[in-house]
Amino acid sequence: METKYYTPKLDEFFQGFEYEVLIKEHWEKQDLLYSNKYIKVHGFSYLDSLIQGARVRVKYLDKEDIESLGWKIEKVDKLRYKLDFTKVFSKNNWILVYYTFESVLPNKLIIYNNTYTDCIFKGTIKNKSELIKLLKQLEINED
């Protein structure tokens, strides 16, 4: 699958948010270091100008992002359509089910305990930064 990107909205940015900025025809990775991202100069912020100029992008969450956070893939199931898959990951006592729909981004996630008896999250996570934030909120270790 080719990596897909989107232009984020200003309210998506938070401390630690990872994004890329177009600088002299090359995309450079950056993350938001300061929690006060709305510092404005004459009513306009640096991030506003990047967004309006389409010079900022964020990669949609993918299998590699999930694995980079220590999750191990357990199985892959092909869904009804040729390019749609369910990927099941595990980490410690948790199961993460990731639904990949090539035609629809962002993709869906469900997080269960290791016996599938308790669903603790079901929804859309657009990017790796959002997943990191969610895992912290759910108190799922990053180890």
C-alpha atoms as a PDB file:
ATOM      1  CA  MET A   1       0.000   0.000   0.000  1.00  0.00           C
ATOM      2  CA  GLU A   2       1.291   3.406  -0.900  1.00  0.00           C
ATOM      3  CA  THR A   3       1.597   5.694   2.119  1.00  0.00           C
ATOM      4  CA  LYS A   4      -1.247   8.176   2.292  1.00  0.00           C
ATOM      5  CA  TYR A   5      -1.056  11.659   3.772  1.00  0.00           C
ATOM      6  CA  TYR A   6      -3.566  14.331   4.661  1.00  0.00           C
ATOM      7  CA  THR A   7      -3.463  18.022   5.544  1.00  0.00           C
ATOM      8  CA  PRO A   8      -4.334  18.356   9.235  1.00  0.00           C
ATOM      9  CA  LYS A   9      -6.611  20.977  10.737  1.00  0.00           C
ATOM     10  CA  LEU A  10      -5.177  23.385  13.288  1.00  0.00           C
ATOM     11  CA  ASP A  11      -7.140  21.826  16.151  1.00  0.00           C
ATOM     12  CA  GLU A  12      -5.434  18.439  15.551  1.00  0.00           C
ATOM     13  CA  PHE A  13      -2.052  19.749  16.715  1.00  0.00           C
ATOM     14  CA  PHE A  14      -0.943  18.999  20.267  1.00  0.00           C
ATOM     15  CA  GLN A  15       2.374  18.719  22.079  1.00  0.00           C
ATOM     16  CA  GLY A  16       4.254  15.774  20.542  1.00  0.00           C
ATOM     17  CA  PHE A  17       2.143  15.741  17.351  1.00  0.00           C
ATOM     18  CA  GLU A  18       4.231  14.442  14.413  1.00  0.00           C
ATOM     19  CA  TYR A  19       3.885  16.043  10.982  1.00  0.00           C
ATOM     20  CA  GLU A  20       5.931  16.922   7.911  1.00  0.00           C
ATOM     21  CA  VAL A  21       6.641  20.341   6.453  1.00  0.00           C
ATOM     22  CA  LEU A  22       7.528  21.072   2.843  1.00  0.00           C
ATOM     23  CA  ILE A  23      10.860  22.917   2.837  1.00  0.00           C
ATOM     24  CA  LYS A  24      12.527  23.621  -0.498  1.00  0.00           C
ATOM     25  CA  GLU A  25      10.738  20.772  -2.308  1.00  0.00           C
ATOM     26  CA  HIS A  26      11.546  18.186   0.413  1.00  0.00           C
ATOM     27  CA  TRP A  27       9.284  16.937   3.205  1.00  0.00           C
ATOM     28  CA  GLU A  28      10.936  17.174   6.637  1.00  0.00           C
ATOM     29  CA  LYS A  29       9.600  15.450   9.752  1.00  0.00           C
ATOM     30  CA  GLN A  30       8.805  17.654  12.721  1.00  0.00           C
ATOM     31  CA  ASP A  31       6.870  17.409  15.933  1.00  0.00           C
ATOM     32  CA  LEU A  32       5.157  20.069  17.955  1.00  0.00           C
ATOM     33  CA  LEU A  33       7.409  20.796  20.911  1.00  0.00           C
ATOM     34  CA  TYR A  34       5.294  23.372  22.705  1.00  0.00           C
ATOM     35  CA  SER A  35       1.799  22.938  24.033  1.00  0.00           C
ATOM     36  CA  ASN A  36       0.884  26.550  23.188  1.00  0.00           C
ATOM     37  CA  LYS A  37       0.554  26.108  19.437  1.00  0.00           C
ATOM     38  CA  TYR A  38      -1.775  29.038  18.985  1.00  0.00           C
ATOM     39  CA  ILE A  39       0.793  31.773  19.497  1.00  0.00           C
ATOM     40  CA  LYS A  40      -0.340  34.330  16.991  1.00  0.00           C
ATOM     41  CA  VAL A  41       1.482  37.184  15.359  1.00  0.00           C
ATOM     42  CA  HIS A  42      -0.981  39.778  14.097  1.00  0.00           C
ATOM     43  CA  GLY A  43      -3.793  37.204  14.393  1.00  0.00           C
ATOM     44  CA  PHE A  44      -2.050  34.580  12.285  1.00  0.00           C
ATOM     45  CA  SER A  45       0.049  31.611  13.423  1.00  0.00           C
ATOM     46  CA  TYR A  46       2.916  29.776  11.781  1.00  0.00           C
ATOM     47  CA  LEU A  47       0.800  26.621  11.626  1.00  0.00           C
ATOM     48  CA  ASP A  48      -2.067  28.533   9.994  1.00  0.00           C
ATOM     49  CA  SER A  49       0.231  29.621   7.197  1.00  0.00           C
ATOM     50  CA  LEU A  50       1.570  26.085   6.667  1.00  0.00           C
ATOM     51  CA  ILE A  51      -1.919  24.602   6.538  1.00  0.00           C
ATOM     52  CA  GLN A  52      -3.319  27.245   4.216  1.00  0.00           C
ATOM     53  CA  GLY A  53      -0.322  26.893   1.910  1.00  0.00           C
ATOM     54  CA  ALA A  54      -0.641  23.069   1.875  1.00  0.00           C
ATOM     55  CA  ARG A  55       2.926  22.865   3.155  1.00  0.00           C
ATOM     56  CA  VAL A  56       2.160  20.516   6.034  1.00  0.00           C
ATOM     57  CA  ARG A  57       1.051  16.896   5.939  1.00  0.00           C
ATOM     58  CA  VAL A  58       0.505  13.953   8.263  1.00  0.00           C
ATOM     59  CA  LYS A  59       0.800  10.271   7.423  1.00  0.00           C
ATOM     60  CA  TYR A  60      -2.288   8.189   8.047  1.00  0.00           C
ATOM     61  CA  LEU A  61      -1.821   5.434  10.604  1.00  0.00           C
ATOM     62  CA  ASP A  62      -0.522   2.209   9.079  1.00  0.00           C
ATOM     63  CA  LYS A  63       0.792  -1.231  10.049  1.00  0.00           C
ATOM     64  CA  GLU A  64       4.373   0.017  10.401  1.00  0.00           C
ATOM     65  CA  ASP A  65       3.325   2.759  12.841  1.00  0.00           C
ATOM     66  CA  ILE A  66       1.540   0.229  15.045  1.00  0.00           C
ATOM     67  CA  GLU A  67       4.527  -2.136  14.983  1.00  0.00           C
ATOM     68  CA  SER A  68       6.900   0.736  15.814  1.00  0.00           C
ATOM     69  CA  LEU A  69       5.016   1.118  19.119  1.00  0.00           C
ATOM     70  CA  GLY A  70       5.844  -2.455  20.106  1.00  0.00           C
ATOM     71  CA  TRP A  71       2.716  -4.243  18.868  1.00  0.00           C
ATOM     72  CA  LYS A  72       3.307  -7.618  17.206  1.00  0.00           C
ATOM     73  CA  ILE A  73       1.130  -8.756  14.328  1.00  0.00           C
ATOM     74  CA  GLU A  74      -0.685 -12.012  15.096  1.00  0.00           C
ATOM     75  CA  LYS A  75      -2.773 -12.556  11.973  1.00  0.00           C
ATOM     76  CA  VAL A  76      -4.093 -10.930   8.818  1.00  0.00           C
ATOM     77  CA  ASP A  77      -7.560 -11.712   7.480  1.00  0.00           C
ATOM     78  CA  LYS A  78      -8.679 -10.713   4.018  1.00  0.00           C
ATOM     79  CA  LEU A  79     -12.086  -9.082   4.049  1.00  0.00           C
ATOM     80  CA  ARG A  80     -14.773  -9.175   1.402  1.00  0.00           C
ATOM     81  CA  TYR A  81     -13.011  -6.856  -0.989  1.00  0.00           C
ATOM     82  CA  LYS A  82      -9.618  -7.551  -2.531  1.00  0.00           C
ATOM     83  CA  LEU A  83      -7.718  -4.684  -0.873  1.00  0.00           C
ATOM     84  CA  ASP A  84      -9.401  -4.679   2.551  1.00  0.00           C
ATOM     85  CA  PHE A  85      -7.794  -6.467   5.510  1.00  0.00           C
ATOM     86  CA  THR A  86      -8.129  -6.977   9.218  1.00  0.00           C
ATOM     87  CA  LYS A  87      -4.828  -7.056  11.069  1.00  0.00           C
ATOM     88  CA  VAL A  88      -4.694  -8.308  14.647  1.00  0.00           C
ATOM     89  CA  PHE A  89      -1.840  -7.137  16.879  1.00  0.00           C
ATOM     90  CA  SER A  90      -0.973  -8.038  20.448  1.00  0.00           C
ATOM     91  CA  LYS A  91       1.063  -6.397  23.170  1.00  0.00           C
ATOM     92  CA  ASN A  92       1.256  -7.490  26.797  1.00  0.00           C
ATOM     93  CA  ASN A  93      -2.367  -8.187  27.765  1.00  0.00           C
ATOM     94  CA  TRP A  94      -3.979  -6.242  24.926  1.00  0.00           C
ATOM     95  CA  ILE A  95      -5.336  -6.997  21.463  1.00  0.00           C
ATOM     96  CA  LEU A  96      -5.528  -4.296  18.786  1.00  0.00           C
ATOM     97  CA  VAL A  97      -7.669  -4.978  15.725  1.00  0.00           C
ATOM     98  CA  TYR A  98      -6.881  -2.704  12.773  1.00  0.00           C
ATOM     99  CA  TYR A  99      -9.263  -2.588   9.826  1.00  0.00           C
ATOM    100  CA  THR A 100      -7.571  -1.487   6.607  1.00  0.00           C
ATOM    101  CA  PHE A 101      -9.860  -0.156   3.910  1.00  0.00           C
ATOM    102  CA  GLU A 102      -7.870   0.919   0.858  1.00  0.00           C
ATOM    103  CA  SER A 103     -10.739   2.987  -0.456  1.00  0.00           C
ATOM    104  CA  VAL A 104     -11.590   4.761   2.808  1.00  0.00           C
ATOM    105  CA  LEU A 105      -9.123   6.569   5.046  1.00  0.00           C
ATOM    106  CA  PRO A 106      -8.648   6.818   7.962  1.00  0.00           C
ATOM    107  CA  ASN A 107      -8.971   3.250   9.132  1.00  0.00           C
ATOM    108  CA  LYS A 108     -10.728   1.782  12.168  1.00  0.00           C
ATOM    109  CA  LEU A 109      -9.271   0.408  15.400  1.00  0.00           C
ATOM    110  CA  ILE A 110     -10.668  -1.710  18.205  1.00  0.00           C
ATOM    111  CA  ILE A 111      -8.713  -2.434  21.395  1.00  0.00           C
ATOM    112  CA  TYR A 112      -9.653  -5.374  23.636  1.00  0.00           C
ATOM    113  CA  ASN A 113      -8.230  -7.072  26.671  1.00  0.00           C
ATOM    114  CA  ASN A 114      -6.388 -10.308  25.815  1.00  0.00           C
ATOM    115  CA  THR A 115      -9.537 -12.451  26.089  1.00  0.00           C
ATOM    116  CA  TYR A 116     -11.671 -10.272  23.798  1.00  0.00           C
ATOM    117  CA  THR A 117     -14.225  -9.914  26.613  1.00  0.00           C
ATOM    118  CA  ASP A 118     -13.794  -6.172  27.174  1.00  0.00           C
ATOM    119  CA  CYS A 119     -13.694  -3.665  24.331  1.00  0.00           C
ATOM    120  CA  ILE A 120     -11.991  -0.566  25.715  1.00  0.00           C
ATOM    121  CA  PHE A 121     -11.842   1.449  22.493  1.00  0.00           C
ATOM    122  CA  LYS A 122     -13.600   1.384  19.145  1.00  0.00           C
ATOM    123  CA  GLY A 123     -13.181   4.198  16.670  1.00  0.00           C
ATOM    124  CA  THR A 124     -11.080   6.027  14.142  1.00  0.00           C
ATOM    125  CA  ILE A 125      -7.455   6.941  14.745  1.00  0.00           C
ATOM    126  CA  LYS A 126      -5.997   8.991  11.917  1.00  0.00           C
ATOM    127  CA  ASN A 127      -2.279   8.942  12.705  1.00  0.00           C
ATOM    128  CA  LYS A 128       0.491   7.618  14.941  1.00  0.00           C
ATOM    129  CA  SER A 129       0.460  10.661  17.224  1.00  0.00           C
ATOM    130  CA  GLU A 130      -3.242  10.128  17.979  1.00  0.00           C
ATOM    131  CA  LEU A 131      -2.599   6.445  18.713  1.00  0.00           C
ATOM    132  CA  ILE A 132       0.212   7.310  21.142  1.00  0.00           C
ATOM    133  CA  LYS A 133      -2.073   9.788  22.896  1.00  0.00           C
ATOM    134  CA  LEU A 134      -4.910   7.234  23.082  1.00  0.00           C
ATOM    135  CA  LEU A 135      -2.653   4.517  24.506  1.00  0.00           C
ATOM    136  CA  LYS A 136      -1.524   6.921  27.230  1.00  0.00           C
ATOM    137  CA  GLN A 137      -5.136   7.847  28.044  1.00  0.00           C
ATOM    138  CA  LEU A 138      -6.070   4.152  28.243  1.00  0.00           C
ATOM    139  CA  GLU A 139      -2.975   3.506  30.392  1.00  0.00           C
ATOM    140  CA  ILE A 140      -1.664   0.879  28.005  1.00  0.00           C
ATOM    141  CA  ASN A 141       2.079   0.622  28.536  1.00  0.00           C
ATOM    142  CA  GLU A 142       4.387   1.709  25.742  1.00  0.00           C
ATOM    143  CA  ASP A 143       6.955  -0.934  26.808  1.00  0.00           C
END
